[in-house]
């Protein structure tokens, strides 16, 4: 599990995917979220602007990310 450090809370889900390099662009981030390919805390999340806070886990393509406040 990879740790993703954020400097403020909350952060929108698609921004984490984009800025952490999990996907290539913001457009791709929005597409994979809308298609139900991203899980937040074990549940499919289709809201690209879902607010993510420290302690949340994100799963995409069999990879897990733990969100931590820096």
C-alpha atoms as a PDB file:
ATOM      1  CA  UNK A   1       0.000   0.000   0.000  1.00  0.00           C
ATOM      2  CA  UNK A   2       1.397   3.362  -1.034  1.00  0.00           C
ATOM      3  CA  UNK A   3       0.953   6.422   1.195  1.00  0.00           C
ATOM      4  CA  UNK A   4      -0.381   9.582  -0.453  1.00  0.00           C
ATOM      5  CA  UNK A   5       0.379  12.699   1.579  1.00  0.00           C
ATOM      6  CA  UNK A   6      -1.965  15.672   1.318  1.00  0.00           C
ATOM      7  CA  UNK A   7      -1.302  19.117   2.754  1.00  0.00           C
ATOM      8  CA  UNK A   8      -4.932  20.100   3.346  1.00  0.00           C
ATOM      9  CA  UNK A   9      -8.313  18.460   3.769  1.00  0.00           C
ATOM     10  CA  UNK A  10     -10.503  17.696   1.982  1.00  0.00           C
ATOM     11  CA  UNK A  11      -9.112  17.004  -1.512  1.00  0.00           C
ATOM     12  CA  UNK A  12     -11.288  15.983  -4.446  1.00  0.00           C
ATOM     13  CA  UNK A  13     -10.787  12.385  -5.562  1.00  0.00           C
ATOM     14  CA  UNK A  14      -9.923  13.128  -9.185  1.00  0.00           C
ATOM     15  CA  UNK A  15      -7.203  15.583  -8.094  1.00  0.00           C
ATOM     16  CA  UNK A  16      -5.453  12.915  -6.024  1.00  0.00           C
ATOM     17  CA  UNK A  17      -5.467  10.509  -8.974  1.00  0.00           C
ATOM     18  CA  UNK A  18      -4.104  13.225 -11.273  1.00  0.00           C
ATOM     19  CA  UNK A  19      -1.464  14.858  -9.067  1.00  0.00           C
ATOM     20  CA  UNK A  20      -0.110  11.562  -7.701  1.00  0.00           C
ATOM     21  CA  UNK A  21       0.427  10.300 -11.248  1.00  0.00           C
ATOM     22  CA  UNK A  22      -1.962   7.379 -10.765  1.00  0.00           C
ATOM     23  CA  UNK A  23      -3.523   8.387 -14.106  1.00  0.00           C
ATOM     24  CA  UNK A  24      -2.087  10.540 -16.901  1.00  0.00           C
ATOM     25  CA  UNK A  25      -4.535  13.475 -16.782  1.00  0.00           C
ATOM     26  CA  UNK A  26      -7.510  15.020 -15.053  1.00  0.00           C
ATOM     27  CA  UNK A  27      -9.744  13.880 -17.908  1.00  0.00           C
ATOM     28  CA  UNK A  28      -8.582  10.300 -17.509  1.00  0.00           C
ATOM     29  CA  UNK A  29      -9.108  10.538 -13.735  1.00  0.00           C
ATOM     30  CA  UNK A  30     -12.699  11.683 -14.226  1.00  0.00           C
ATOM     31  CA  UNK A  31     -13.342   8.915 -16.783  1.00  0.00           C
ATOM     32  CA  UNK A  32     -12.071   6.045 -14.614  1.00  0.00           C
ATOM     33  CA  UNK A  33     -14.069   7.349 -11.651  1.00  0.00           C
ATOM     34  CA  UNK A  34     -17.273   7.696 -13.698  1.00  0.00           C
ATOM     35  CA  UNK A  35     -16.761   4.158 -15.045  1.00  0.00           C
ATOM     36  CA  UNK A  36     -16.689   2.724 -11.515  1.00  0.00           C
ATOM     37  CA  UNK A  37     -13.026   1.669 -11.611  1.00  0.00           C
ATOM     38  CA  UNK A  38     -12.076   3.459  -8.373  1.00  0.00           C
ATOM     39  CA  UNK A  39     -12.896   2.311  -4.853  1.00  0.00           C
ATOM     40  CA  UNK A  40     -12.840   4.573  -1.805  1.00  0.00           C
ATOM     41  CA  UNK A  41     -12.777   2.795   1.564  1.00  0.00           C
ATOM     42  CA  UNK A  42     -13.734  -0.465  -0.172  1.00  0.00           C
ATOM     43  CA  UNK A  43     -16.795   0.854  -2.042  1.00  0.00           C
ATOM     44  CA  UNK A  44     -17.104   1.850  -5.701  1.00  0.00           C
ATOM     45  CA  UNK A  45     -17.061   5.643  -5.982  1.00  0.00           C
ATOM     46  CA  UNK A  46     -18.452   7.368  -9.079  1.00  0.00           C
ATOM     47  CA  UNK A  47     -18.373  10.967  -7.813  1.00  0.00           C
ATOM     48  CA  UNK A  48     -15.234  12.613  -9.210  1.00  0.00           C
ATOM     49  CA  UNK A  49     -15.475  15.444  -6.684  1.00  0.00           C
ATOM     50  CA  UNK A  50     -15.820  13.089  -3.700  1.00  0.00           C
ATOM     51  CA  UNK A  51     -14.047  14.732  -0.771  1.00  0.00           C
ATOM     52  CA  UNK A  52     -11.089  12.663   0.433  1.00  0.00           C
ATOM     53  CA  UNK A  53      -9.633  13.106   3.922  1.00  0.00           C
ATOM     54  CA  UNK A  54      -6.772  11.614   5.913  1.00  0.00           C
ATOM     55  CA  UNK A  55      -7.398   7.958   6.729  1.00  0.00           C
ATOM     56  CA  UNK A  56      -9.285   7.213   3.510  1.00  0.00           C
ATOM     57  CA  UNK A  57      -8.049   4.443   1.230  1.00  0.00           C
ATOM     58  CA  UNK A  58      -8.256   4.569  -2.550  1.00  0.00           C
ATOM     59  CA  UNK A  59      -8.024   1.503  -4.784  1.00  0.00           C
ATOM     60  CA  UNK A  60      -7.390   1.570  -8.521  1.00  0.00           C
ATOM     61  CA  UNK A  61      -6.094  -1.189 -10.809  1.00  0.00           C
ATOM     62  CA  UNK A  62      -5.231  -3.563  -7.928  1.00  0.00           C
ATOM     63  CA  UNK A  63      -3.170  -0.869  -6.207  1.00  0.00           C
ATOM     64  CA  UNK A  64      -4.060   0.640  -2.817  1.00  0.00           C
ATOM     65  CA  UNK A  65      -3.306   4.147  -1.606  1.00  0.00           C
ATOM     66  CA  UNK A  66      -3.576   5.327   2.007  1.00  0.00           C
ATOM     67  CA  UNK A  67      -4.287   9.049   2.337  1.00  0.00           C
ATOM     68  CA  UNK A  68      -2.364  10.818   5.095  1.00  0.00           C
ATOM     69  CA  UNK A  69      -2.322  14.475   6.146  1.00  0.00           C
ATOM     70  CA  UNK A  70       1.195  15.888   5.959  1.00  0.00           C
END
